[in-house]
Amino acid sequence: LMTFPTLARIDLAFDDTAGTLRLRVDDIDVTADLSESGRARLS
């Protein structure tokens, strides 16, 4: 946030049991695991 303040708008939730991360902002809504392909989708 120090350099990218607009990150504040992203709603983020990590599911400890499933090991998945969900990112939601505007028309973006992505849920992915921490596999190589999942990390790429989130990035």
PDB file of all heavy atoms in Angstrom:
ATOM      1  N   LEU A   1       0.811  -1.217   0.000  1.00  0.00           N
ATOM      2  CA  LEU A   1       0.000   0.000   0.000  1.00  0.00           C
ATOM      3  C   LEU A   1       0.843   1.265   0.000  1.00  0.00           C
ATOM      4  O   LEU A   1       0.405   2.306  -0.483  1.00  0.00           O
ATOM      5  CB  LEU A   1      -0.913   0.015   1.230  1.00  0.00           C
ATOM      6  CG  LEU A   1      -2.197  -0.806   1.150  1.00  0.00           C
ATOM      7  CD1 LEU A   1      -2.862  -0.838   2.512  1.00  0.00           C
ATOM      8  CD2 LEU A   1      -3.127  -0.233   0.108  1.00  0.00           C
ATOM      9  N   MET A   2       2.037   1.189   0.540  1.00  0.00           N
ATOM     10  CA  MET A   2       2.892   2.364   0.622  1.00  0.00           C
ATOM     11  C   MET A   2       3.121   2.976  -0.749  1.00  0.00           C
ATOM     12  O   MET A   2       3.136   4.203  -0.910  1.00  0.00           O
ATOM     13  CB  MET A   2       4.229   1.994   1.265  1.00  0.00           C
ATOM     14  CG  MET A   2       5.191   3.159   1.465  1.00  0.00           C
ATOM     15  SD  MET A   2       6.693   2.655   2.322  1.00  0.00           S
ATOM     16  CE  MET A   2       7.471   1.630   1.063  1.00  0.00           C
ATOM     17  N   THR A   3       3.277   2.126  -1.771  1.00  0.00           N
ATOM     18  CA  THR A   3       3.538   2.617  -3.127  1.00  0.00           C
ATOM     19  C   THR A   3       2.380   2.383  -4.093  1.00  0.00           C
ATOM     20  O   THR A   3       2.266   3.083  -5.103  1.00  0.00           O
ATOM     21  CB  THR A   3       4.806   1.952  -3.702  1.00  0.00           C
ATOM     22  OG1 THR A   3       4.744   0.545  -3.485  1.00  0.00           O
ATOM     23  CG2 THR A   3       6.048   2.504  -3.029  1.00  0.00           C
ATOM     24  N   PHE A   4       1.505   1.415  -3.802  1.00  0.00           N
ATOM     25  CA  PHE A   4       0.355   1.106  -4.652  1.00  0.00           C
ATOM     26  C   PHE A   4      -0.924   1.255  -3.827  1.00  0.00           C
ATOM     27  O   PHE A   4      -1.541   0.248  -3.426  1.00  0.00           O
ATOM     28  CB  PHE A   4       0.453  -0.318  -5.203  1.00  0.00           C
ATOM     29  CG  PHE A   4       1.515  -0.531  -6.237  1.00  0.00           C
ATOM     30  CD1 PHE A   4       2.837  -0.749  -5.872  1.00  0.00           C
ATOM     31  CD2 PHE A   4       1.189  -0.541  -7.594  1.00  0.00           C
ATOM     32  CE1 PHE A   4       3.820  -0.961  -6.832  1.00  0.00           C
ATOM     33  CE2 PHE A   4       2.171  -0.759  -8.557  1.00  0.00           C
ATOM     34  CZ  PHE A   4       3.494  -0.953  -8.179  1.00  0.00           C
ATOM     35  N   PRO A   5      -1.363   2.476  -3.535  1.00  0.00           N
ATOM     36  CA  PRO A   5      -2.522   2.663  -2.647  1.00  0.00           C
ATOM     37  C   PRO A   5      -3.815   2.041  -3.167  1.00  0.00           C
ATOM     38  O   PRO A   5      -4.693   1.682  -2.371  1.00  0.00           O
ATOM     39  CB  PRO A   5      -2.649   4.183  -2.526  1.00  0.00           C
ATOM     40  CG  PRO A   5      -1.941   4.722  -3.725  1.00  0.00           C
ATOM     41  CD  PRO A   5      -0.824   3.770  -3.989  1.00  0.00           C
ATOM     42  N   THR A   6      -3.950   1.873  -4.484  1.00  0.00           N
ATOM     43  CA  THR A   6      -5.194   1.324  -5.019  1.00  0.00           C
ATOM     44  C   THR A   6      -5.378  -0.164  -4.684  1.00  0.00           C
ATOM     45  O   THR A   6      -6.462  -0.721  -4.889  1.00  0.00           O
ATOM     46  CB  THR A   6      -5.284   1.521  -6.543  1.00  0.00           C
ATOM     47  OG1 THR A   6      -4.148   0.916  -7.172  1.00  0.00           O
ATOM     48  CG2 THR A   6      -5.336   2.996  -6.893  1.00  0.00           C
ATOM     49  N   LEU A   7      -4.349  -0.813  -4.150  1.00  0.00           N
ATOM     50  CA  LEU A   7      -4.508  -2.186  -3.667  1.00  0.00           C
ATOM     51  C   LEU A   7      -5.571  -2.264  -2.578  1.00  0.00           C
ATOM     52  O   LEU A   7      -6.172  -3.327  -2.360  1.00  0.00           O
ATOM     53  CB  LEU A   7      -3.185  -2.718  -3.105  1.00  0.00           C
ATOM     54  CG  LEU A   7      -2.039  -2.956  -4.083  1.00  0.00           C
ATOM     55  CD1 LEU A   7      -0.787  -3.347  -3.317  1.00  0.00           C
ATOM     56  CD2 LEU A   7      -2.404  -4.033  -5.100  1.00  0.00           C
ATOM     57  N   ALA A   8      -5.825  -1.147  -1.900  1.00  0.00           N
ATOM     58  CA  ALA A   8      -6.780  -1.135  -0.797  1.00  0.00           C
ATOM     59  C   ALA A   8      -8.178  -1.544  -1.236  1.00  0.00           C
ATOM     60  O   ALA A   8      -8.980  -2.021  -0.424  1.00  0.00           O
ATOM     61  CB  ALA A   8      -6.823   0.248  -0.159  1.00  0.00           C
ATOM     62  N   ARG A   9      -8.485  -1.401  -2.521  1.00  0.00           N
ATOM     63  CA  ARG A   9      -9.831  -1.694  -3.000  1.00  0.00           C
ATOM     64  C   ARG A   9     -10.067  -3.190  -3.229  1.00  0.00           C
ATOM     65  O   ARG A   9     -11.216  -3.624  -3.385  1.00  0.00           O
ATOM     66  CB  ARG A   9     -10.104  -0.951  -4.306  1.00  0.00           C
ATOM     67  CG  ARG A   9     -10.145   0.564  -4.154  1.00  0.00           C
ATOM     68  CD  ARG A   9     -10.698   1.210  -5.421  1.00  0.00           C
ATOM     69  NE  ARG A   9     -12.013   0.679  -5.743  1.00  0.00           N
ATOM     70  CZ  ARG A   9     -12.321   0.073  -6.900  1.00  0.00           C
ATOM     71  NH1 ARG A   9     -11.399  -0.101  -7.841  1.00  0.00           N
ATOM     72  NH2 ARG A   9     -13.544  -0.372  -7.112  1.00  0.00           N
ATOM     73  N   ILE A  10      -9.014  -3.969  -3.237  1.00  0.00           N
ATOM     74  CA  ILE A  10      -9.167  -5.399  -3.520  1.00  0.00           C
ATOM     75  C   ILE A  10      -9.641  -6.126  -2.261  1.00  0.00           C
ATOM     76  O   ILE A  10      -9.004  -6.052  -1.210  1.00  0.00           O
ATOM     77  CB  ILE A  10      -7.848  -6.017  -4.009  1.00  0.00           C
ATOM     78  CG1 ILE A  10      -7.379  -5.343  -5.307  1.00  0.00           C
ATOM     79  CG2 ILE A  10      -8.006  -7.520  -4.223  1.00  0.00           C
ATOM     80  CD1 ILE A  10      -6.043  -5.846  -5.807  1.00  0.00           C
ATOM     81  N   ASP A  11     -10.760  -6.823  -2.382  1.00  0.00           N
ATOM     82  CA  ASP A  11     -11.256  -7.665  -1.288  1.00  0.00           C
ATOM     83  C   ASP A  11     -10.573  -9.020  -1.398  1.00  0.00           C
ATOM     84  O   ASP A  11     -10.648  -9.681  -2.442  1.00  0.00           O
ATOM     85  CB  ASP A  11     -12.772  -7.810  -1.387  1.00  0.00           C
ATOM     86  CG  ASP A  11     -13.320  -8.695  -0.281  1.00  0.00           C
ATOM     87  OD1 ASP A  11     -13.006  -8.441   0.883  1.00  0.00           O
ATOM     88  OD2 ASP A  11     -14.045  -9.658  -0.601  1.00  0.00           O
ATOM     89  N   LEU A  12      -9.929  -9.429  -0.327  1.00  0.00           N
ATOM     90  CA  LEU A  12      -9.117 -10.642  -0.359  1.00  0.00           C
ATOM     91  C   LEU A  12      -9.539 -11.585   0.758  1.00  0.00           C
ATOM     92  O   LEU A  12      -9.810 -11.150   1.875  1.00  0.00           O
ATOM     93  CB  LEU A  12      -7.642 -10.253  -0.212  1.00  0.00           C
ATOM     94  CG  LEU A  12      -6.586 -11.346  -0.145  1.00  0.00           C
ATOM     95  CD1 LEU A  12      -5.278 -10.838  -0.750  1.00  0.00           C
ATOM     96  CD2 LEU A  12      -6.337 -11.768   1.315  1.00  0.00           C
ATOM     97  N   ALA A  13      -9.581 -12.874   0.467  1.00  0.00           N
ATOM     98  CA  ALA A  13      -9.872 -13.877   1.491  1.00  0.00           C
ATOM     99  C   ALA A  13      -9.067 -15.139   1.202  1.00  0.00           C
ATOM    100  O   ALA A  13      -9.041 -15.613   0.063  1.00  0.00           O
ATOM    101  CB  ALA A  13     -11.358 -14.202   1.518  1.00  0.00           C
ATOM    102  N   PHE A  14      -8.421 -15.659   2.239  1.00  0.00           N
ATOM    103  CA  PHE A  14      -7.659 -16.903   2.099  1.00  0.00           C
ATOM    104  C   PHE A  14      -8.374 -18.006   2.860  1.00  0.00           C
ATOM    105  O   PHE A  14      -8.694 -17.864   4.038  1.00  0.00           O
ATOM    106  CB  PHE A  14      -6.241 -16.746   2.631  1.00  0.00           C
ATOM    107  CG  PHE A  14      -5.390 -17.967   2.394  1.00  0.00           C
ATOM    108  CD1 PHE A  14      -4.941 -18.270   1.120  1.00  0.00           C
ATOM    109  CD2 PHE A  14      -5.067 -18.831   3.429  1.00  0.00           C
ATOM    110  CE1 PHE A  14      -4.181 -19.415   0.878  1.00  0.00           C
ATOM    111  CE2 PHE A  14      -4.303 -19.965   3.204  1.00  0.00           C
ATOM    112  CZ  PHE A  14      -3.850 -20.250   1.926  1.00  0.00           C
ATOM    113  N   ASP A  15      -8.647 -19.111   2.186  1.00  0.00           N
ATOM    114  CA  ASP A  15      -9.288 -20.267   2.790  1.00  0.00           C
ATOM    115  C   ASP A  15      -8.194 -21.224   3.260  1.00  0.00           C
ATOM    116  O   ASP A  15      -7.550 -21.896   2.446  1.00  0.00           O
ATOM    117  CB  ASP A  15     -10.203 -20.957   1.761  1.00  0.00           C
ATOM    118  CG  ASP A  15     -11.019 -22.094   2.357  1.00  0.00           C
ATOM    119  OD1 ASP A  15     -10.499 -22.824   3.216  1.00  0.00           O
ATOM    120  OD2 ASP A  15     -12.182 -22.260   1.937  1.00  0.00           O
ATOM    121  N   ASP A  16      -7.989 -21.295   4.569  1.00  0.00           N
ATOM    122  CA  ASP A  16      -6.910 -22.117   5.117  1.00  0.00           C
ATOM    123  C   ASP A  16      -7.118 -23.600   4.808  1.00  0.00           C
ATOM    124  O   ASP A  16      -6.151 -24.326   4.549  1.00  0.00           O
ATOM    125  CB  ASP A  16      -6.824 -21.922   6.633  1.00  0.00           C
ATOM    126  CG  ASP A  16      -6.491 -20.503   7.023  1.00  0.00           C
ATOM    127  OD1 ASP A  16      -7.419 -19.681   7.130  1.00  0.00           O
ATOM    128  OD2 ASP A  16      -5.308 -20.209   7.210  1.00  0.00           O
ATOM    129  N   THR A  17      -8.356 -24.056   4.862  1.00  0.00           N
ATOM    130  CA  THR A  17      -8.641 -25.476   4.656  1.00  0.00           C
ATOM    131  C   THR A  17      -8.413 -25.890   3.208  1.00  0.00           C
ATOM    132  O   THR A  17      -7.750 -26.890   2.928  1.00  0.00           O
ATOM    133  CB  THR A  17     -10.084 -25.799   5.065  1.00  0.00           C
ATOM    134  OG1 THR A  17     -10.275 -25.433   6.443  1.00  0.00           O
ATOM    135  CG2 THR A  17     -10.374 -27.283   4.887  1.00  0.00           C
ATOM    136  N   ALA A  18      -8.950 -25.099   2.283  1.00  0.00           N
ATOM    137  CA  ALA A  18      -8.814 -25.431   0.860  1.00  0.00           C
ATOM    138  C   ALA A  18      -7.488 -24.972   0.273  1.00  0.00           C
ATOM    139  O   ALA A  18      -7.076 -25.461  -0.788  1.00  0.00           O
ATOM    140  CB  ALA A  18      -9.961 -24.806   0.068  1.00  0.00           C
ATOM    141  N   GLY A  19      -6.828 -24.036   0.946  1.00  0.00           N
ATOM    142  CA  GLY A  19      -5.579 -23.498   0.412  1.00  0.00           C
ATOM    143  C   GLY A  19      -5.789 -22.654  -0.824  1.00  0.00           C
ATOM    144  O   GLY A  19      -4.978 -22.670  -1.747  1.00  0.00           O
ATOM    145  N   THR A  20      -6.907 -21.907  -0.839  1.00  0.00           N
ATOM    146  CA  THR A  20      -7.224 -21.075  -1.996  1.00  0.00           C
ATOM    147  C   THR A  20      -7.313 -19.607  -1.603  1.00  0.00           C
ATOM    148  O   THR A  20      -7.687 -19.260  -0.476  1.00  0.00           O
ATOM    149  CB  THR A  20      -8.561 -21.494  -2.642  1.00  0.00           C
ATOM    150  OG1 THR A  20      -9.615 -21.423  -1.661  1.00  0.00           O
ATOM    151  CG2 THR A  20      -8.467 -22.894  -3.199  1.00  0.00           C
ATOM    152  N   LEU A  21      -6.986 -18.752  -2.546  1.00  0.00           N
ATOM    153  CA  LEU A  21      -7.034 -17.314  -2.360  1.00  0.00           C
ATOM    154  C   LEU A  21      -8.069 -16.739  -3.318  1.00  0.00           C
ATOM    155  O   LEU A  21      -8.073 -17.083  -4.507  1.00  0.00           O
ATOM    156  CB  LEU A  21      -5.660 -16.701  -2.634  1.00  0.00           C
ATOM    157  CG  LEU A  21      -5.495 -15.199  -2.426  1.00  0.00           C
ATOM    158  CD1 LEU A  21      -5.676 -14.835  -0.954  1.00  0.00           C
ATOM    159  CD2 LEU A  21      -4.110 -14.760  -2.914  1.00  0.00           C
ATOM    160  N   ARG A  22      -8.950 -15.866  -2.804  1.00  0.00           N
ATOM    161  CA  ARG A  22      -9.950 -15.221  -3.647  1.00  0.00           C
ATOM    162  C   ARG A  22      -9.696 -13.723  -3.681  1.00  0.00           C
ATOM    163  O   ARG A  22      -9.507 -13.087  -2.635  1.00  0.00           O
ATOM    164  CB  ARG A  22     -11.359 -15.474  -3.124  1.00  0.00           C
ATOM    165  CG  ARG A  22     -12.460 -14.884  -4.023  1.00  0.00           C
ATOM    166  CD  ARG A  22     -13.852 -15.184  -3.484  1.00  0.00           C
ATOM    167  NE  ARG A  22     -14.882 -14.755  -4.426  1.00  0.00           N
ATOM    168  CZ  ARG A  22     -16.193 -14.868  -4.198  1.00  0.00           C
ATOM    169  NH1 ARG A  22     -16.624 -15.395  -3.048  1.00  0.00           N
ATOM    170  NH2 ARG A  22     -17.068 -14.433  -5.101  1.00  0.00           N
ATOM    171  N   LEU A  23      -9.675 -13.147  -4.890  1.00  0.00           N
ATOM    172  CA  LEU A  23      -9.487 -11.721  -5.103  1.00  0.00           C
ATOM    173  C   LEU A  23     -10.711 -11.168  -5.827  1.00  0.00           C
ATOM    174  O   LEU A  23     -11.101 -11.690  -6.876  1.00  0.00           O
ATOM    175  CB  LEU A  23      -8.236 -11.450  -5.945  1.00  0.00           C
ATOM    176  CG  LEU A  23      -6.909 -11.996  -5.424  1.00  0.00           C
ATOM    177  CD1 LEU A  23      -5.812 -11.768  -6.451  1.00  0.00           C
ATOM    178  CD2 LEU A  23      -6.538 -11.322  -4.110  1.00  0.00           C
ATOM    179  N   ARG A  24     -11.309 -10.106  -5.272  1.00  0.00           N
ATOM    180  CA  ARG A  24     -12.485  -9.498  -5.890  1.00  0.00           C
ATOM    181  C   ARG A  24     -12.342  -7.983  -5.912  1.00  0.00           C
ATOM    182  O   ARG A  24     -12.071  -7.363  -4.884  1.00  0.00           O
ATOM    183  CB  ARG A  24     -13.755  -9.865  -5.116  1.00  0.00           C
ATOM    184  CG  ARG A  24     -14.173 -11.317  -5.223  1.00  0.00           C
ATOM    185  CD  ARG A  24     -15.439 -11.600  -4.441  1.00  0.00           C
ATOM    186  NE  ARG A  24     -15.201 -11.487  -3.004  1.00  0.00           N
ATOM    187  CZ  ARG A  24     -16.154 -11.588  -2.074  1.00  0.00           C
ATOM    188  NH1 ARG A  24     -17.411 -11.766  -2.442  1.00  0.00           N
ATOM    189  NH2 ARG A  24     -15.854 -11.507  -0.802  1.00  0.00           N
ATOM    190  N   VAL A  25     -12.536  -7.407  -7.087  1.00  0.00           N
ATOM    191  CA  VAL A  25     -12.547  -5.955  -7.238  1.00  0.00           C
ATOM    192  C   VAL A  25     -13.160  -5.634  -8.600  1.00  0.00           C
ATOM    193  O   VAL A  25     -12.818  -6.250  -9.608  1.00  0.00           O
ATOM    194  CB  VAL A  25     -11.129  -5.354  -7.107  1.00  0.00           C
ATOM    195  CG1 VAL A  25     -10.181  -5.910  -8.162  1.00  0.00           C
ATOM    196  CG2 VAL A  25     -11.174  -3.839  -7.140  1.00  0.00           C
ATOM    197  N   ASP A  26     -14.079  -4.683  -8.632  1.00  0.00           N
ATOM    198  CA  ASP A  26     -14.764  -4.319  -9.874  1.00  0.00           C
ATOM    199  C   ASP A  26     -15.329  -5.579 -10.542  1.00  0.00           C
ATOM    200  O   ASP A  26     -16.049  -6.328  -9.899  1.00  0.00           O
ATOM    201  CB  ASP A  26     -13.821  -3.537 -10.787  1.00  0.00           C
ATOM    202  CG  ASP A  26     -13.368  -2.227 -10.146  1.00  0.00           C
ATOM    203  OD1 ASP A  26     -14.102  -1.695  -9.298  1.00  0.00           O
ATOM    204  OD2 ASP A  26     -12.271  -1.750 -10.488  1.00  0.00           O
ATOM    205  N   ASP A  27     -14.978  -5.836 -11.810  1.00  0.00           N
ATOM    206  CA  ASP A  27     -15.517  -7.021 -12.476  1.00  0.00           C
ATOM    207  C   ASP A  27     -14.572  -8.218 -12.407  1.00  0.00           C
ATOM    208  O   ASP A  27     -14.764  -9.227 -13.094  1.00  0.00           O
ATOM    209  CB  ASP A  27     -15.847  -6.705 -13.938  1.00  0.00           C
ATOM    210  CG  ASP A  27     -14.613  -6.262 -14.731  1.00  0.00           C
ATOM    211  OD1 ASP A  27     -13.557  -6.013 -14.110  1.00  0.00           O
ATOM    212  OD2 ASP A  27     -14.714  -6.150 -15.965  1.00  0.00           O
ATOM    213  N   ILE A  28     -13.553  -8.128 -11.551  1.00  0.00           N
ATOM    214  CA  ILE A  28     -12.606  -9.235 -11.368  1.00  0.00           C
ATOM    215  C   ILE A  28     -13.006 -10.048 -10.142  1.00  0.00           C
ATOM    216  O   ILE A  28     -13.217  -9.500  -9.059  1.00  0.00           O
ATOM    217  CB  ILE A  28     -11.167  -8.707 -11.202  1.00  0.00           C
ATOM    218  CG1 ILE A  28     -10.702  -8.022 -12.486  1.00  0.00           C
ATOM    219  CG2 ILE A  28     -10.209  -9.846 -10.820  1.00  0.00           C
ATOM    220  CD1 ILE A  28      -9.371  -7.326 -12.353  1.00  0.00           C
ATOM    221  N   ASP A  29     -13.151 -11.338 -10.317  1.00  0.00           N
ATOM    222  CA  ASP A  29     -13.460 -12.247  -9.205  1.00  0.00           C
ATOM    223  C   ASP A  29     -12.757 -13.564  -9.504  1.00  0.00           C
ATOM    224  O   ASP A  29     -13.225 -14.367 -10.315  1.00  0.00           O
ATOM    225  CB  ASP A  29     -14.964 -12.446  -9.071  1.00  0.00           C
ATOM    226  CG  ASP A  29     -15.349 -13.231  -7.810  1.00  0.00           C
ATOM    227  OD1 ASP A  29     -14.463 -13.853  -7.210  1.00  0.00           O
ATOM    228  OD2 ASP A  29     -16.540 -13.205  -7.447  1.00  0.00           O
ATOM    229  N   VAL A  30     -11.604 -13.765  -8.859  1.00  0.00           N
ATOM    230  CA  VAL A  30     -10.764 -14.924  -9.151  1.00  0.00           C
ATOM    231  C   VAL A  30     -10.487 -15.692  -7.872  1.00  0.00           C
ATOM    232  O   VAL A  30     -10.095 -15.105  -6.860  1.00  0.00           O
ATOM    233  CB  VAL A  30      -9.429 -14.498  -9.790  1.00  0.00           C
ATOM    234  CG1 VAL A  30      -8.520 -15.713  -9.993  1.00  0.00           C
ATOM    235  CG2 VAL A  30      -9.674 -13.796 -11.119  1.00  0.00           C
ATOM    236  N   THR A  31     -10.705 -17.000  -7.902  1.00  0.00           N
ATOM    237  CA  THR A  31     -10.330 -17.902  -6.820  1.00  0.00           C
ATOM    238  C   THR A  31      -9.382 -18.945  -7.392  1.00  0.00           C
ATOM    239  O   THR A  31      -9.684 -19.564  -8.414  1.00  0.00           O
ATOM    240  CB  THR A  31     -11.550 -18.596  -6.205  1.00  0.00           C
ATOM    241  OG1 THR A  31     -12.455 -17.620  -5.698  1.00  0.00           O
ATOM    242  CG2 THR A  31     -11.126 -19.525  -5.068  1.00  0.00           C
ATOM    243  N   ALA A  32      -8.246 -19.124  -6.747  1.00  0.00           N
ATOM    244  CA  ALA A  32      -7.262 -20.084  -7.255  1.00  0.00           C
ATOM    245  C   ALA A  32      -6.468 -20.671  -6.105  1.00  0.00           C
ATOM    246  O   ALA A  32      -6.349 -20.061  -5.031  1.00  0.00           O
ATOM    247  CB  ALA A  32      -6.330 -19.411  -8.263  1.00  0.00           C
ATOM    248  N   ASP A  33      -5.927 -21.850  -6.349  1.00  0.00           N
ATOM    249  CA  ASP A  33      -5.069 -22.471  -5.334  1.00  0.00           C
ATOM    250  C   ASP A  33      -3.633 -21.978  -5.519  1.00  0.00           C
ATOM    251  O   ASP A  33      -3.362 -21.099  -6.346  1.00  0.00           O
ATOM    252  CB  ASP A  33      -5.165 -23.995  -5.404  1.00  0.00           C
ATOM    253  CG  ASP A  33      -4.706 -24.560  -6.754  1.00  0.00           C
ATOM    254  OD1 ASP A  33      -3.990 -23.858  -7.503  1.00  0.00           O
ATOM    255  OD2 ASP A  33      -5.076 -25.717  -7.052  1.00  0.00           O
ATOM    256  N   LEU A  34      -2.723 -22.570  -4.763  1.00  0.00           N
ATOM    257  CA  LEU A  34      -1.342 -22.110  -4.799  1.00  0.00           C
ATOM    258  C   LEU A  34      -0.454 -22.998  -5.672  1.00  0.00           C
ATOM    259  O   LEU A  34       0.763 -23.046  -5.478  1.00  0.00           O
ATOM    260  CB  LEU A  34      -0.783 -22.009  -3.374  1.00  0.00           C
ATOM    261  CG  LEU A  34      -1.537 -21.035  -2.459  1.00  0.00           C
ATOM    262  CD1 LEU A  34      -0.885 -20.986  -1.079  1.00  0.00           C
ATOM    263  CD2 LEU A  34      -1.598 -19.638  -3.077  1.00  0.00           C
ATOM    264  N   SER A  35      -1.067 -23.671  -6.630  1.00  0.00           N
ATOM    265  CA  SER A  35      -0.286 -24.365  -7.643  1.00  0.00           C
ATOM    266  C   SER A  35       0.377 -23.321  -8.536  1.00  0.00           C
ATOM    267  O   SER A  35       0.056 -22.134  -8.484  1.00  0.00           O
ATOM    268  CB  SER A  35      -1.176 -25.278  -8.483  1.00  0.00           C
ATOM    269  OG  SER A  35      -2.129 -24.497  -9.204  1.00  0.00           O
ATOM    270  N   GLU A  36       1.273 -23.766  -9.391  1.00  0.00           N
ATOM    271  CA  GLU A  36       1.949 -22.829 -10.292  1.00  0.00           C
ATOM    272  C   GLU A  36       0.946 -22.100 -11.177  1.00  0.00           C
ATOM    273  O   GLU A  36       1.027 -20.883 -11.371  1.00  0.00           O
ATOM    274  CB  GLU A  36       2.967 -23.579 -11.151  1.00  0.00           C
ATOM    275  CG  GLU A  36       3.780 -22.675 -12.060  1.00  0.00           C
ATOM    276  CD  GLU A  36       4.868 -23.425 -12.812  1.00  0.00           C
ATOM    277  OE1 GLU A  36       5.133 -24.592 -12.481  1.00  0.00           O
ATOM    278  OE2 GLU A  36       5.450 -22.829 -13.755  1.00  0.00           O
ATOM    279  N   SER A  37      -0.038 -22.834 -11.709  1.00  0.00           N
ATOM    280  CA  SER A  37      -1.023 -22.209 -12.575  1.00  0.00           C
ATOM    281  C   SER A  37      -1.957 -21.293 -11.787  1.00  0.00           C
ATOM    282  O   SER A  37      -2.360 -20.229 -12.266  1.00  0.00           O
ATOM    283  CB  SER A  37      -1.832 -23.273 -13.316  1.00  0.00           C
ATOM    284  OG  SER A  37      -2.536 -24.109 -12.400  1.00  0.00           O
ATOM    285  N   GLY A  38      -2.295 -21.694 -10.557  1.00  0.00           N
ATOM    286  CA  GLY A  38      -3.149 -20.862  -9.722  1.00  0.00           C
ATOM    287  C   GLY A  38      -2.479 -19.558  -9.348  1.00  0.00           C
ATOM    288  O   GLY A  38      -3.101 -18.481  -9.382  1.00  0.00           O
ATOM    289  N   ARG A  39      -1.212 -19.625  -8.999  1.00  0.00           N
ATOM    290  CA  ARG A  39      -0.469 -18.406  -8.662  1.00  0.00           C
ATOM    291  C   ARG A  39      -0.400 -17.470  -9.866  1.00  0.00           C
ATOM    292  O   ARG A  39      -0.492 -16.252  -9.725  1.00  0.00           O
ATOM    293  CB  ARG A  39       0.940 -18.772  -8.193  1.00  0.00           C
ATOM    294  CG  ARG A  39       0.983 -19.463  -6.837  1.00  0.00           C
ATOM    295  CD  ARG A  39       2.374 -19.995  -6.517  1.00  0.00           C
ATOM    296  NE  ARG A  39       2.388 -20.864  -5.372  1.00  0.00           N
ATOM    297  CZ  ARG A  39       2.689 -20.497  -4.132  1.00  0.00           C
ATOM    298  NH1 ARG A  39       3.024 -19.237  -3.886  1.00  0.00           N
ATOM    299  NH2 ARG A  39       2.673 -21.354  -3.142  1.00  0.00           N
ATOM    300  N   ALA A  40      -0.234 -18.044 -11.055  1.00  0.00           N
ATOM    301  CA  ALA A  40      -0.171 -17.227 -12.267  1.00  0.00           C
ATOM    302  C   ALA A  40      -1.499 -16.519 -12.508  1.00  0.00           C
ATOM    303  O   ALA A  40      -1.529 -15.335 -12.890  1.00  0.00           O
ATOM    304  CB  ALA A  40       0.200 -18.094 -13.462  1.00  0.00           C
ATOM    305  N   ARG A  41      -2.624 -17.227 -12.298  1.00  0.00           N
ATOM    306  CA  ARG A  41      -3.936 -16.612 -12.471  1.00  0.00           C
ATOM    307  C   ARG A  41      -4.123 -15.437 -11.509  1.00  0.00           C
ATOM    308  O   ARG A  41      -4.647 -14.386 -11.882  1.00  0.00           O
ATOM    309  CB  ARG A  41      -5.041 -17.645 -12.234  1.00  0.00           C
ATOM    310  CG  ARG A  41      -5.224 -18.662 -13.341  1.00  0.00           C
ATOM    311  CD  ARG A  41      -6.406 -19.557 -13.017  1.00  0.00           C
ATOM    312  NE  ARG A  41      -7.652 -18.786 -12.951  1.00  0.00           N
ATOM    313  CZ  ARG A  41      -8.673 -19.085 -12.160  1.00  0.00           C
ATOM    314  NH1 ARG A  41      -8.593 -20.132 -11.336  1.00  0.00           N
ATOM    315  NH2 ARG A  41      -9.766 -18.353 -12.191  1.00  0.00           N
ATOM    316  N   LEU A  42      -3.713 -15.626 -10.270  1.00  0.00           N
ATOM    317  CA  LEU A  42      -3.867 -14.569  -9.274  1.00  0.00           C
ATOM    318  C   LEU A  42      -2.967 -13.371  -9.598  1.00  0.00           C
ATOM    319  O   LEU A  42      -3.396 -12.216  -9.494  1.00  0.00           O
ATOM    320  CB  LEU A  42      -3.540 -15.121  -7.878  1.00  0.00           C
ATOM    321  CG  LEU A  42      -4.536 -16.155  -7.354  1.00  0.00           C
ATOM    322  CD1 LEU A  42      -3.931 -16.955  -6.207  1.00  0.00           C
ATOM    323  CD2 LEU A  42      -5.836 -15.491  -6.899  1.00  0.00           C
ATOM    324  N   SER A  43      -1.750 -13.636 -10.008  1.00  0.00           N
ATOM    325  CA  SER A  43      -0.833 -12.552 -10.389  1.00  0.00           C
ATOM    326  C   SER A  43      -1.366 -11.785 -11.587  1.00  0.00           C
ATOM    327  O   SER A  43      -1.306 -10.547 -11.635  1.00  0.00           O
ATOM    328  CB  SER A  43       0.554 -13.116 -10.702  1.00  0.00           C
ATOM    329  OG  SER A  43       1.140 -13.707  -9.561  1.00  0.00           O
TER     330      SER A  43
END
